[in-house]
Amino acid sequence: MDARSEILDRIHTALADRPAPAPVERSYRPALGIGDLELFVERVVDYRATVYRAAPDTVGTVIDAALADRRITRVVVPDGFPAADRPGVELIGEPVDVATLDAISAVITTCRVAIADTGTIVLDAGPGMGARALTLVPDYHLVVVRADQVRAIVPDAIAELDPVRPLTWISGPSATSDIELQRVEGVHGPRTLDVVVVEL
């Protein structure tokens, strides 16, 4: 008998007279559907992101204003971003390499879903979102979230996501803390996050 078999045999002998484990409680919080838009906005602001509000026909104008506030004149825009919502600045389309993303350092996208309870925005590389690098390399990210994309809790969002797609979960600008708990932003993603909430 080898050492592995001997150890497993001893474990089996030691557990032979133990009672069966109790059943695991599975009464999870139920899915709630459409989320509270104001709670989502509150959570996003808590994460130090800036929120702009827009009507469906003013999204492009609001994006222009947000970019002007940041003095941004060129942005990368992924394929599938709605033509009617495109701002009046210089737009760089896909494909773009990492060096171009780093030089322009600003991107605008849509999202797949957002979560009110956590203030999280989820991208799945679909139309208007582009490849993951588009939102991880630039220093500035503006994302458009429609009110009907906001879900109440994480299980609601997960139920709508395709697990084989490359998912990016965003909860505010990229940030971490060092050993002295000093907040450092922009370590592994955008230092600045602006969210345009489209109220339907």
N, C-alpha and C. Protein backbone atom coordinates (compact mmCIF):
# COMPACT_ATOMS: atom_id res chain seq x y z
N MET A 1 0.85 -1.18 0.00
CA MET A 1 0.00 0.00 0.00
C MET A 1 0.89 1.24 0.00
N ASP A 2 0.60 2.20 -0.92
CA ASP A 2 1.40 3.42 -0.96
C ASP A 2 0.90 4.41 0.09
N ALA A 3 1.62 5.52 0.27
CA ALA A 3 1.30 6.50 1.30
C ALA A 3 -0.07 7.14 1.08
N ARG A 4 -0.38 7.43 -0.18
CA ARG A 4 -1.68 8.05 -0.47
C ARG A 4 -2.84 7.15 -0.06
N SER A 5 -2.76 5.90 -0.44
CA SER A 5 -3.81 4.94 -0.11
C SER A 5 -3.94 4.76 1.40
N GLU A 6 -2.81 4.75 2.08
CA GLU A 6 -2.83 4.58 3.54
C GLU A 6 -3.52 5.78 4.21
N ILE A 7 -3.22 6.99 3.74
CA ILE A 7 -3.84 8.19 4.32
C ILE A 7 -5.34 8.18 4.07
N LEU A 8 -5.75 7.88 2.85
CA LEU A 8 -7.18 7.85 2.53
C LEU A 8 -7.90 6.76 3.32
N ASP A 9 -7.24 5.64 3.54
CA ASP A 9 -7.83 4.55 4.33
C ASP A 9 -8.04 4.99 5.77
N ARG A 10 -7.06 5.71 6.33
CA ARG A 10 -7.20 6.20 7.71
C ARG A 10 -8.35 7.22 7.81
N ILE A 11 -8.45 8.10 6.82
CA ILE A 11 -9.55 9.08 6.82
C ILE A 11 -10.89 8.37 6.75
N HIS A 12 -11.00 7.38 5.87
CA HIS A 12 -12.25 6.64 5.73
C HIS A 12 -12.62 5.93 7.04
N THR A 13 -11.65 5.34 7.69
CA THR A 13 -11.90 4.66 8.97
C THR A 13 -12.34 5.67 10.05
N ALA A 14 -11.68 6.84 10.08
CA ALA A 14 -12.01 7.84 11.10
C ALA A 14 -13.40 8.42 10.91
N LEU A 15 -13.88 8.47 9.67
CA LEU A 15 -15.19 9.07 9.40
C LEU A 15 -16.32 8.06 9.34
N ALA A 16 -16.01 6.79 9.49
CA ALA A 16 -17.01 5.73 9.31
C ALA A 16 -18.20 5.86 10.25
N ASP A 17 -17.97 6.29 11.49
CA ASP A 17 -19.07 6.34 12.46
C ASP A 17 -19.66 7.75 12.59
N ARG A 18 -19.32 8.65 11.71
CA ARG A 18 -19.85 10.03 11.77
C ARG A 18 -21.26 10.07 11.20
N PRO A 19 -22.13 10.93 11.74
CA PRO A 19 -23.48 11.06 11.17
C PRO A 19 -23.42 11.76 9.82
N ALA A 20 -24.43 11.55 9.02
CA ALA A 20 -24.51 12.21 7.71
C ALA A 20 -24.65 13.72 7.92
N PRO A 21 -24.05 14.52 7.04
CA PRO A 21 -24.17 15.97 7.21
C PRO A 21 -25.60 16.44 7.01
N ALA A 22 -25.94 17.53 7.68
CA ALA A 22 -27.29 18.11 7.54
C ALA A 22 -27.43 18.70 6.14
N PRO A 23 -28.64 18.72 5.61
CA PRO A 23 -28.84 19.31 4.28
C PRO A 23 -28.50 20.80 4.29
N VAL A 24 -27.96 21.27 3.18
CA VAL A 24 -27.57 22.67 3.05
C VAL A 24 -28.80 23.52 2.75
N GLU A 25 -28.95 24.61 3.49
CA GLU A 25 -30.07 25.53 3.28
C GLU A 25 -29.92 26.19 1.92
N ARG A 26 -30.97 26.15 1.10
CA ARG A 26 -30.91 26.73 -0.24
C ARG A 26 -31.99 27.79 -0.46
N SER A 27 -32.41 28.45 0.58
CA SER A 27 -33.46 29.47 0.44
C SER A 27 -32.80 30.82 0.13
N TYR A 28 -32.31 30.95 -1.11
CA TYR A 28 -31.65 32.17 -1.51
C TYR A 28 -32.65 33.29 -1.72
N ARG A 29 -32.15 34.49 -1.62
CA ARG A 29 -32.98 35.66 -1.89
C ARG A 29 -33.49 35.57 -3.33
N PRO A 30 -34.79 35.76 -3.54
CA PRO A 30 -35.33 35.60 -4.89
C PRO A 30 -34.92 36.75 -5.81
N ALA A 31 -34.93 36.47 -7.10
CA ALA A 31 -34.67 37.51 -8.09
C ALA A 31 -35.83 38.51 -8.08
N LEU A 32 -35.49 39.77 -8.25
CA LEU A 32 -36.48 40.82 -8.11
C LEU A 32 -36.79 41.55 -9.42
N GLY A 33 -36.03 41.29 -10.47
CA GLY A 33 -36.31 41.91 -11.76
C GLY A 33 -35.68 43.28 -11.92
N ILE A 34 -36.43 44.22 -12.51
CA ILE A 34 -35.92 45.56 -12.80
C ILE A 34 -35.51 46.24 -11.49
N GLY A 35 -34.35 46.88 -11.54
CA GLY A 35 -33.79 47.49 -10.34
C GLY A 35 -34.17 48.94 -10.17
N ASP A 36 -33.95 49.44 -8.98
CA ASP A 36 -34.21 50.82 -8.62
C ASP A 36 -33.13 51.71 -9.23
N LEU A 37 -33.50 52.55 -10.17
CA LEU A 37 -32.52 53.39 -10.87
C LEU A 37 -31.82 54.34 -9.90
N GLU A 38 -32.57 54.91 -8.96
CA GLU A 38 -31.97 55.86 -8.02
C GLU A 38 -30.96 55.17 -7.11
N LEU A 39 -31.24 53.94 -6.71
CA LEU A 39 -30.28 53.18 -5.90
C LEU A 39 -29.01 52.91 -6.72
N PHE A 40 -29.18 52.55 -7.98
CA PHE A 40 -28.02 52.33 -8.85
C PHE A 40 -27.16 53.58 -8.93
N VAL A 41 -27.79 54.73 -9.17
CA VAL A 41 -27.06 56.00 -9.27
C VAL A 41 -26.33 56.30 -7.97
N GLU A 42 -27.01 56.08 -6.84
CA GLU A 42 -26.39 56.33 -5.53
C GLU A 42 -25.15 55.47 -5.33
N ARG A 43 -25.25 54.19 -5.70
CA ARG A 43 -24.12 53.28 -5.53
C ARG A 43 -22.95 53.67 -6.46
N VAL A 44 -23.27 54.05 -7.69
CA VAL A 44 -22.23 54.44 -8.64
C VAL A 44 -21.49 55.68 -8.14
N VAL A 45 -22.23 56.63 -7.61
CA VAL A 45 -21.61 57.85 -7.07
C VAL A 45 -20.74 57.51 -5.86
N ASP A 46 -21.19 56.55 -5.04
CA ASP A 46 -20.38 56.11 -3.89
C ASP A 46 -19.02 55.58 -4.33
N TYR A 47 -18.97 55.02 -5.52
CA TYR A 47 -17.71 54.48 -6.05
C TYR A 47 -16.83 55.55 -6.69
N ARG A 48 -17.22 56.81 -6.57
CA ARG A 48 -16.46 57.94 -7.11
C ARG A 48 -16.53 58.04 -8.63
N ALA A 49 -17.60 57.54 -9.21
CA ALA A 49 -17.85 57.76 -10.63
C ALA A 49 -18.76 58.98 -10.75
N THR A 50 -18.76 59.60 -11.92
CA THR A 50 -19.62 60.75 -12.17
C THR A 50 -20.81 60.29 -13.00
N VAL A 51 -22.00 60.67 -12.58
CA VAL A 51 -23.22 60.27 -13.28
C VAL A 51 -23.82 61.47 -13.99
N TYR A 52 -24.14 61.27 -15.25
CA TYR A 52 -24.89 62.25 -16.05
C TYR A 52 -26.22 61.61 -16.41
N ARG A 53 -27.25 62.42 -16.47
CA ARG A 53 -28.57 61.90 -16.83
C ARG A 53 -28.95 62.41 -18.22
N ALA A 54 -29.62 61.54 -18.98
CA ALA A 54 -30.01 61.91 -20.34
C ALA A 54 -31.37 61.32 -20.67
N ALA A 55 -32.09 61.99 -21.52
CA ALA A 55 -33.29 61.44 -22.13
C ALA A 55 -32.83 60.65 -23.36
N PRO A 56 -33.66 59.74 -23.88
CA PRO A 56 -33.23 58.93 -25.03
C PRO A 56 -32.76 59.75 -26.23
N ASP A 57 -33.33 60.94 -26.43
CA ASP A 57 -32.95 61.74 -27.59
C ASP A 57 -31.84 62.75 -27.31
N THR A 58 -31.27 62.72 -26.09
CA THR A 58 -30.20 63.67 -25.76
C THR A 58 -28.90 62.99 -25.36
N VAL A 59 -28.78 61.69 -25.60
CA VAL A 59 -27.60 60.95 -25.15
C VAL A 59 -26.32 61.52 -25.76
N GLY A 60 -26.33 61.75 -27.08
CA GLY A 60 -25.14 62.28 -27.74
C GLY A 60 -24.73 63.63 -27.18
N THR A 61 -25.71 64.49 -26.92
CA THR A 61 -25.43 65.82 -26.37
C THR A 61 -24.84 65.72 -24.97
N VAL A 62 -25.37 64.82 -24.16
CA VAL A 62 -24.87 64.63 -22.80
C VAL A 62 -23.46 64.06 -22.83
N ILE A 63 -23.21 63.12 -23.74
CA ILE A 63 -21.85 62.58 -23.88
C ILE A 63 -20.89 63.70 -24.27
N ASP A 64 -21.30 64.55 -25.22
CA ASP A 64 -20.46 65.69 -25.61
C ASP A 64 -20.12 66.56 -24.40
N ALA A 65 -21.13 66.83 -23.56
CA ALA A 65 -20.91 67.66 -22.37
C ALA A 65 -19.94 67.00 -21.40
N ALA A 66 -20.10 65.68 -21.20
CA ALA A 66 -19.21 64.95 -20.29
C ALA A 66 -17.77 64.98 -20.81
N LEU A 67 -17.61 64.78 -22.10
CA LEU A 67 -16.27 64.81 -22.69
C LEU A 67 -15.66 66.21 -22.61
N ALA A 68 -16.50 67.22 -22.83
CA ALA A 68 -16.01 68.61 -22.73
C ALA A 68 -15.56 68.91 -21.31
N ASP A 69 -16.31 68.40 -20.29
CA ASP A 69 -15.92 68.60 -18.89
C ASP A 69 -14.52 68.04 -18.63
N ARG A 70 -14.17 66.96 -19.33
CA ARG A 70 -12.87 66.30 -19.14
C ARG A 70 -11.82 66.78 -20.16
N ARG A 71 -12.23 67.69 -21.05
CA ARG A 71 -11.36 68.19 -22.12
C ARG A 71 -10.85 67.07 -23.01
N ILE A 72 -11.74 66.15 -23.32
CA ILE A 72 -11.41 65.02 -24.20
C ILE A 72 -11.92 65.33 -25.60
N THR A 73 -11.04 65.23 -26.59
CA THR A 73 -11.41 65.56 -27.96
C THR A 73 -11.35 64.36 -28.91
N ARG A 74 -10.81 63.23 -28.43
CA ARG A 74 -10.76 62.01 -29.24
C ARG A 74 -11.12 60.82 -28.35
N VAL A 75 -11.98 59.95 -28.85
CA VAL A 75 -12.34 58.74 -28.10
C VAL A 75 -12.39 57.55 -29.03
N VAL A 76 -12.13 56.38 -28.46
CA VAL A 76 -12.34 55.13 -29.18
C VAL A 76 -13.80 54.75 -29.00
N VAL A 77 -14.43 54.36 -30.09
CA VAL A 77 -15.83 53.93 -30.04
C VAL A 77 -15.93 52.55 -30.68
N PRO A 78 -16.45 51.55 -29.95
CA PRO A 78 -16.51 50.19 -30.49
C PRO A 78 -17.58 50.04 -31.57
N ASP A 79 -17.43 49.02 -32.38
CA ASP A 79 -18.44 48.69 -33.38
C ASP A 79 -19.77 48.43 -32.67
N GLY A 80 -20.85 48.90 -33.26
CA GLY A 80 -22.17 48.66 -32.70
C GLY A 80 -22.64 49.72 -31.73
N PHE A 81 -21.79 50.71 -31.44
CA PHE A 81 -22.26 51.81 -30.58
C PHE A 81 -23.31 52.59 -31.38
N PRO A 82 -24.48 52.89 -30.78
CA PRO A 82 -25.56 53.51 -31.54
C PRO A 82 -25.13 54.80 -32.24
N ALA A 83 -25.41 54.87 -33.55
CA ALA A 83 -25.00 56.03 -34.35
C ALA A 83 -25.63 57.32 -33.82
N ALA A 84 -26.87 57.25 -33.37
CA ALA A 84 -27.56 58.45 -32.89
C ALA A 84 -26.96 59.00 -31.61
N ASP A 85 -26.22 58.17 -30.86
CA ASP A 85 -25.66 58.59 -29.57
C ASP A 85 -24.19 59.00 -29.67
N ARG A 86 -23.62 58.94 -30.85
CA ARG A 86 -22.19 59.26 -31.00
C ARG A 86 -21.96 60.75 -30.80
N PRO A 87 -20.92 61.07 -30.05
CA PRO A 87 -20.64 62.48 -29.78
C PRO A 87 -19.98 63.15 -30.99
N GLY A 88 -19.81 64.47 -30.89
CA GLY A 88 -19.25 65.25 -31.98
C GLY A 88 -17.74 65.37 -31.96
N VAL A 89 -17.05 64.62 -31.11
CA VAL A 89 -15.58 64.66 -31.07
C VAL A 89 -15.02 63.69 -32.11
N GLU A 90 -13.70 63.66 -32.25
CA GLU A 90 -13.08 62.72 -33.17
C GLU A 90 -13.24 61.30 -32.64
N LEU A 91 -13.78 60.42 -33.49
CA LEU A 91 -14.04 59.05 -33.08
C LEU A 91 -13.07 58.10 -33.77
N ILE A 92 -12.47 57.22 -33.01
CA ILE A 92 -11.56 56.21 -33.53
C ILE A 92 -12.27 54.87 -33.42
N GLY A 93 -12.50 54.22 -34.55
CA GLY A 93 -13.21 52.94 -34.56
C GLY A 93 -12.30 51.75 -34.42
N GLU A 94 -12.93 50.60 -34.26
CA GLU A 94 -12.18 49.34 -34.19
C GLU A 94 -11.73 48.95 -35.60
N PRO A 95 -10.68 48.17 -35.73
CA PRO A 95 -9.82 47.66 -34.66
C PRO A 95 -8.77 48.69 -34.26
N VAL A 96 -8.40 48.64 -33.00
CA VAL A 96 -7.34 49.51 -32.48
C VAL A 96 -6.36 48.65 -31.69
N ASP A 97 -5.08 48.99 -31.80
CA ASP A 97 -4.09 48.24 -31.04
C ASP A 97 -3.89 48.89 -29.66
N VAL A 98 -3.16 48.21 -28.81
CA VAL A 98 -2.97 48.68 -27.44
C VAL A 98 -2.24 50.03 -27.41
N ALA A 99 -1.29 50.22 -28.31
CA ALA A 99 -0.55 51.49 -28.35
C ALA A 99 -1.49 52.66 -28.67
N THR A 100 -2.43 52.44 -29.60
CA THR A 100 -3.42 53.48 -29.93
C THR A 100 -4.34 53.74 -28.76
N LEU A 101 -4.80 52.67 -28.11
CA LEU A 101 -5.67 52.83 -26.93
C LEU A 101 -4.96 53.63 -25.85
N ASP A 102 -3.68 53.34 -25.65
CA ASP A 102 -2.92 54.03 -24.63
C ASP A 102 -2.72 55.50 -24.98
N ALA A 103 -2.53 55.78 -26.27
CA ALA A 103 -2.30 57.16 -26.70
C ALA A 103 -3.57 58.00 -26.62
N ILE A 104 -4.70 57.41 -27.03
CA ILE A 104 -5.97 58.16 -26.99
C ILE A 104 -6.49 58.24 -25.57
N SER A 105 -6.42 57.12 -24.86
CA SER A 105 -6.72 57.05 -23.43
C SER A 105 -8.15 57.41 -23.06
N ALA A 106 -9.10 57.23 -23.98
CA ALA A 106 -10.51 57.47 -23.67
C ALA A 106 -11.38 56.57 -24.54
N VAL A 107 -12.44 56.00 -23.95
CA VAL A 107 -13.34 55.12 -24.68
C VAL A 107 -14.77 55.36 -24.21
N ILE A 108 -15.72 55.21 -25.13
CA ILE A 108 -17.14 55.23 -24.75
C ILE A 108 -17.76 53.90 -25.17
N THR A 109 -18.62 53.35 -24.31
CA THR A 109 -19.26 52.06 -24.60
C THR A 109 -20.70 52.07 -24.11
N THR A 110 -21.41 51.04 -24.53
CA THR A 110 -22.69 50.70 -23.92
C THR A 110 -22.39 49.63 -22.86
N CYS A 111 -23.43 49.00 -22.33
CA CYS A 111 -23.22 47.89 -21.40
C CYS A 111 -24.26 46.82 -21.67
N ARG A 112 -24.08 45.67 -21.06
CA ARG A 112 -25.05 44.58 -21.21
C ARG A 112 -26.13 44.66 -20.15
N VAL A 113 -25.71 44.94 -18.91
CA VAL A 113 -26.65 45.00 -17.79
C VAL A 113 -25.98 45.76 -16.65
N ALA A 114 -26.78 46.28 -15.73
CA ALA A 114 -26.25 46.96 -14.54
C ALA A 114 -27.02 46.46 -13.33
N ILE A 115 -26.42 46.62 -12.15
CA ILE A 115 -27.00 46.06 -10.92
C ILE A 115 -27.18 47.17 -9.89
N ALA A 116 -28.43 47.42 -9.51
CA ALA A 116 -28.73 48.50 -8.57
C ALA A 116 -28.12 48.26 -7.20
N ASP A 117 -28.24 47.05 -6.68
CA ASP A 117 -27.82 46.74 -5.32
C ASP A 117 -26.32 46.98 -5.08
N THR A 118 -25.53 46.77 -6.13
CA THR A 118 -24.07 46.89 -5.98
C THR A 118 -23.47 48.04 -6.78
N GLY A 119 -24.26 48.70 -7.63
CA GLY A 119 -23.72 49.76 -8.48
C GLY A 119 -22.75 49.24 -9.52
N THR A 120 -22.94 48.00 -9.93
CA THR A 120 -22.03 47.35 -10.87
C THR A 120 -22.57 47.41 -12.30
N ILE A 121 -21.65 47.59 -13.25
CA ILE A 121 -21.97 47.61 -14.67
C ILE A 121 -21.26 46.42 -15.30
N VAL A 122 -21.98 45.67 -16.14
CA VAL A 122 -21.40 44.48 -16.76
C VAL A 122 -21.36 44.64 -18.28
N LEU A 123 -20.19 44.40 -18.85
CA LEU A 123 -19.99 44.40 -20.30
C LEU A 123 -19.69 42.97 -20.73
N ASP A 124 -20.17 42.60 -21.94
CA ASP A 124 -19.92 41.24 -22.42
C ASP A 124 -19.28 41.18 -23.80
N ALA A 125 -18.63 42.28 -24.21
CA ALA A 125 -17.94 42.36 -25.50
C ALA A 125 -18.89 42.29 -26.68
N GLY A 126 -20.17 42.56 -26.46
CA GLY A 126 -21.14 42.59 -27.54
C GLY A 126 -21.11 43.91 -28.28
N PRO A 127 -22.10 44.15 -29.16
CA PRO A 127 -22.15 45.40 -29.92
C PRO A 127 -22.16 46.62 -28.99
N GLY A 128 -21.33 47.58 -29.32
CA GLY A 128 -21.24 48.80 -28.51
C GLY A 128 -20.31 48.69 -27.32
N MET A 129 -19.79 47.48 -27.05
CA MET A 129 -18.90 47.27 -25.90
C MET A 129 -17.48 46.94 -26.33
N GLY A 130 -17.32 46.23 -27.43
CA GLY A 130 -15.99 45.93 -27.95
C GLY A 130 -15.22 44.94 -27.10
N ALA A 131 -13.98 44.72 -27.50
CA ALA A 131 -13.09 43.79 -26.80
C ALA A 131 -12.76 44.33 -25.40
N ARG A 132 -12.39 43.43 -24.50
CA ARG A 132 -12.10 43.82 -23.12
C ARG A 132 -11.00 44.87 -23.02
N ALA A 133 -10.02 44.81 -23.91
CA ALA A 133 -8.91 45.77 -23.86
C ALA A 133 -9.40 47.21 -24.01
N LEU A 134 -10.50 47.39 -24.74
CA LEU A 134 -11.02 48.75 -24.94
C LEU A 134 -11.37 49.44 -23.63
N THR A 135 -11.78 48.67 -22.64
CA THR A 135 -12.19 49.27 -21.37
C THR A 135 -11.18 49.08 -20.25
N LEU A 136 -10.09 48.39 -20.53
CA LEU A 136 -9.08 48.16 -19.50
C LEU A 136 -7.80 48.98 -19.71
N VAL A 137 -7.52 49.35 -20.96
CA VAL A 137 -6.29 50.09 -21.24
C VAL A 137 -6.46 51.60 -21.08
N PRO A 138 -7.50 52.21 -21.67
CA PRO A 138 -7.62 53.69 -21.56
C PRO A 138 -7.80 54.16 -20.13
N ASP A 139 -7.38 55.39 -19.88
CA ASP A 139 -7.47 55.99 -18.55
C ASP A 139 -8.87 56.50 -18.25
N TYR A 140 -9.68 56.69 -19.30
CA TYR A 140 -11.03 57.24 -19.14
C TYR A 140 -12.04 56.33 -19.84
N HIS A 141 -13.15 56.04 -19.14
CA HIS A 141 -14.22 55.22 -19.71
C HIS A 141 -15.55 55.90 -19.43
N LEU A 142 -16.31 56.13 -20.49
CA LEU A 142 -17.68 56.61 -20.35
C LEU A 142 -18.58 55.49 -20.82
N VAL A 143 -19.52 55.09 -19.98
CA VAL A 143 -20.42 53.99 -20.33
C VAL A 143 -21.87 54.48 -20.26
N VAL A 144 -22.66 54.08 -21.25
CA VAL A 144 -24.07 54.44 -21.33
C VAL A 144 -24.89 53.30 -20.77
N VAL A 145 -25.72 53.61 -19.77
CA VAL A 145 -26.58 52.61 -19.13
C VAL A 145 -28.04 53.07 -19.29
N ARG A 146 -28.84 52.26 -19.96
CA ARG A 146 -30.27 52.57 -20.08
C ARG A 146 -31.00 52.07 -18.83
N ALA A 147 -32.04 52.82 -18.44
CA ALA A 147 -32.78 52.47 -17.22
C ALA A 147 -33.32 51.04 -17.28
N ASP A 148 -33.71 50.57 -18.47
CA ASP A 148 -34.27 49.22 -18.57
C ASP A 148 -33.20 48.12 -18.50
N GLN A 149 -31.93 48.51 -18.42
CA GLN A 149 -30.85 47.54 -18.25
C GLN A 149 -30.49 47.33 -16.78
N VAL A 150 -31.04 48.13 -15.89
CA VAL A 150 -30.70 48.04 -14.47
C VAL A 150 -31.53 46.94 -13.82
N ARG A 151 -30.84 45.99 -13.20
CA ARG A 151 -31.49 44.90 -12.48
C ARG A 151 -31.30 45.10 -10.99
N ALA A 152 -32.16 44.48 -10.21
CA ALA A 152 -32.17 44.73 -8.77
C ALA A 152 -30.94 44.17 -8.07
N ILE A 153 -30.65 42.89 -8.28
CA ILE A 153 -29.58 42.23 -7.54
C ILE A 153 -28.73 41.38 -8.49
N VAL A 154 -27.61 40.90 -8.00
CA VAL A 154 -26.66 40.15 -8.82
C VAL A 154 -27.30 38.93 -9.50
N PRO A 155 -28.11 38.10 -8.81
CA PRO A 155 -28.71 36.95 -9.51
C PRO A 155 -29.56 37.36 -10.71
N ASP A 156 -30.22 38.51 -10.64
CA ASP A 156 -31.01 38.97 -11.78
C ASP A 156 -30.11 39.23 -12.98
N ALA A 157 -28.96 39.83 -12.73
CA ALA A 157 -28.03 40.12 -13.82
C ALA A 157 -27.43 38.83 -14.38
N ILE A 158 -27.02 37.94 -13.50
CA ILE A 158 -26.40 36.69 -13.94
C ILE A 158 -27.35 35.88 -14.80
N ALA A 159 -28.63 35.92 -14.48
CA ALA A 159 -29.62 35.18 -15.26
C ALA A 159 -29.67 35.64 -16.71
N GLU A 160 -29.23 36.86 -16.99
CA GLU A 160 -29.27 37.41 -18.34
C GLU A 160 -27.94 37.33 -19.07
N LEU A 161 -26.90 36.87 -18.40
CA LEU A 161 -25.57 36.85 -18.99
C LEU A 161 -25.23 35.49 -19.58
N ASP A 162 -24.46 35.51 -20.66
CA ASP A 162 -23.97 34.29 -21.28
C ASP A 162 -22.61 33.97 -20.65
N PRO A 163 -22.49 32.88 -19.92
CA PRO A 163 -21.25 32.60 -19.19
C PRO A 163 -20.04 32.31 -20.09
N VAL A 164 -20.25 32.07 -21.37
CA VAL A 164 -19.11 31.81 -22.25
C VAL A 164 -18.56 33.09 -22.87
N ARG A 165 -19.23 34.22 -22.67
CA ARG A 165 -18.74 35.48 -23.20
C ARG A 165 -17.73 36.10 -22.22
N PRO A 166 -16.80 36.93 -22.71
CA PRO A 166 -15.84 37.57 -21.81
C PRO A 166 -16.51 38.71 -21.05
N LEU A 167 -16.76 38.51 -19.79
CA LEU A 167 -17.49 39.47 -18.97
C LEU A 167 -16.54 40.40 -18.23
N THR A 168 -16.86 41.68 -18.24
CA THR A 168 -16.12 42.68 -17.47
C THR A 168 -17.10 43.30 -16.49
N TRP A 169 -16.82 43.19 -15.20
CA TRP A 169 -17.67 43.73 -14.15
C TRP A 169 -17.01 45.00 -13.62
N ILE A 170 -17.74 46.11 -13.68
CA ILE A 170 -17.17 47.41 -13.30
C ILE A 170 -17.95 47.95 -12.11
N SER A 171 -17.26 48.19 -11.02
CA SER A 171 -17.86 48.85 -9.86
C SER A 171 -17.01 50.08 -9.56
N GLY A 172 -17.25 51.14 -10.30
CA GLY A 172 -16.51 52.39 -10.14
C GLY A 172 -15.18 52.35 -10.88
N PRO A 173 -14.43 53.45 -10.78
CA PRO A 173 -13.10 53.49 -11.41
C PRO A 173 -12.20 52.42 -10.81
N SER A 174 -11.20 52.01 -11.57
CA SER A 174 -10.23 51.03 -11.07
C SER A 174 -9.55 51.58 -9.83
N ALA A 175 -9.53 50.81 -8.76
CA ALA A 175 -8.90 51.29 -7.52
C ALA A 175 -8.45 50.11 -6.67
N THR A 176 -7.45 50.37 -5.87
CA THR A 176 -6.99 49.40 -4.89
C THR A 176 -6.41 50.19 -3.72
N SER A 177 -6.03 49.51 -2.68
CA SER A 177 -5.39 50.18 -1.53
C SER A 177 -4.05 49.51 -1.26
N ASP A 178 -3.08 50.34 -0.87
CA ASP A 178 -1.79 49.77 -0.51
C ASP A 178 -1.83 49.27 0.93
N ILE A 179 -0.70 48.85 1.44
CA ILE A 179 -0.66 48.25 2.78
C ILE A 179 -1.07 49.23 3.88
N GLU A 180 -0.94 50.53 3.60
CA GLU A 180 -1.35 51.55 4.57
C GLU A 180 -2.77 52.04 4.31
N LEU A 181 -3.50 51.31 3.47
CA LEU A 181 -4.89 51.62 3.12
C LEU A 181 -5.04 52.95 2.40
N GLN A 182 -3.99 53.35 1.68
CA GLN A 182 -4.07 54.55 0.84
C GLN A 182 -4.67 54.13 -0.49
N ARG A 183 -5.77 54.79 -0.89
CA ARG A 183 -6.44 54.44 -2.14
C ARG A 183 -5.59 54.87 -3.33
N VAL A 184 -5.43 53.94 -4.28
CA VAL A 184 -4.69 54.20 -5.50
C VAL A 184 -5.62 53.87 -6.66
N GLU A 185 -5.83 54.83 -7.57
CA GLU A 185 -6.77 54.63 -8.68
C GLU A 185 -6.02 54.42 -9.99
N GLY A 186 -6.65 53.68 -10.90
CA GLY A 186 -6.09 53.48 -12.23
C GLY A 186 -5.03 52.41 -12.30
N VAL A 187 -5.03 51.47 -11.38
CA VAL A 187 -3.99 50.44 -11.36
C VAL A 187 -4.22 49.39 -12.43
N HIS A 188 -5.44 48.93 -12.60
CA HIS A 188 -5.74 47.85 -13.54
C HIS A 188 -6.98 48.17 -14.36
N GLY A 189 -7.11 49.41 -14.77
CA GLY A 189 -8.26 49.84 -15.56
C GLY A 189 -8.39 51.34 -15.49
N PRO A 190 -9.49 51.89 -16.00
CA PRO A 190 -9.64 53.35 -16.05
C PRO A 190 -9.59 54.02 -14.68
N ARG A 191 -8.87 55.13 -14.64
CA ARG A 191 -8.80 55.95 -13.43
C ARG A 191 -10.09 56.77 -13.26
N THR A 192 -10.75 57.06 -14.38
CA THR A 192 -11.94 57.90 -14.37
C THR A 192 -13.09 57.18 -15.07
N LEU A 193 -14.24 57.09 -14.38
CA LEU A 193 -15.43 56.47 -14.95
C LEU A 193 -16.57 57.47 -14.93
N ASP A 194 -17.15 57.73 -16.10
CA ASP A 194 -18.37 58.53 -16.20
C ASP A 194 -19.48 57.61 -16.68
N VAL A 195 -20.67 57.78 -16.11
CA VAL A 195 -21.82 56.95 -16.48
C VAL A 195 -22.94 57.87 -16.94
N VAL A 196 -23.41 57.64 -18.16
CA VAL A 196 -24.58 58.36 -18.67
C VAL A 196 -25.78 57.44 -18.48
N VAL A 197 -26.68 57.85 -17.60
CA VAL A 197 -27.88 57.07 -17.33
C VAL A 197 -29.00 57.60 -18.22
N VAL A 198 -29.54 56.73 -19.04
CA VAL A 198 -30.62 57.12 -19.96
C VAL A 198 -31.94 56.80 -19.31
N GLU A 199 -32.67 57.83 -18.93
CA GLU A 199 -33.95 57.66 -18.26
C GLU A 199 -35.05 57.51 -19.30
N LEU A 200 -35.72 56.36 -19.30
CA LEU A 200 -36.72 56.07 -20.33
C LEU A 200 -38.12 56.50 -19.90
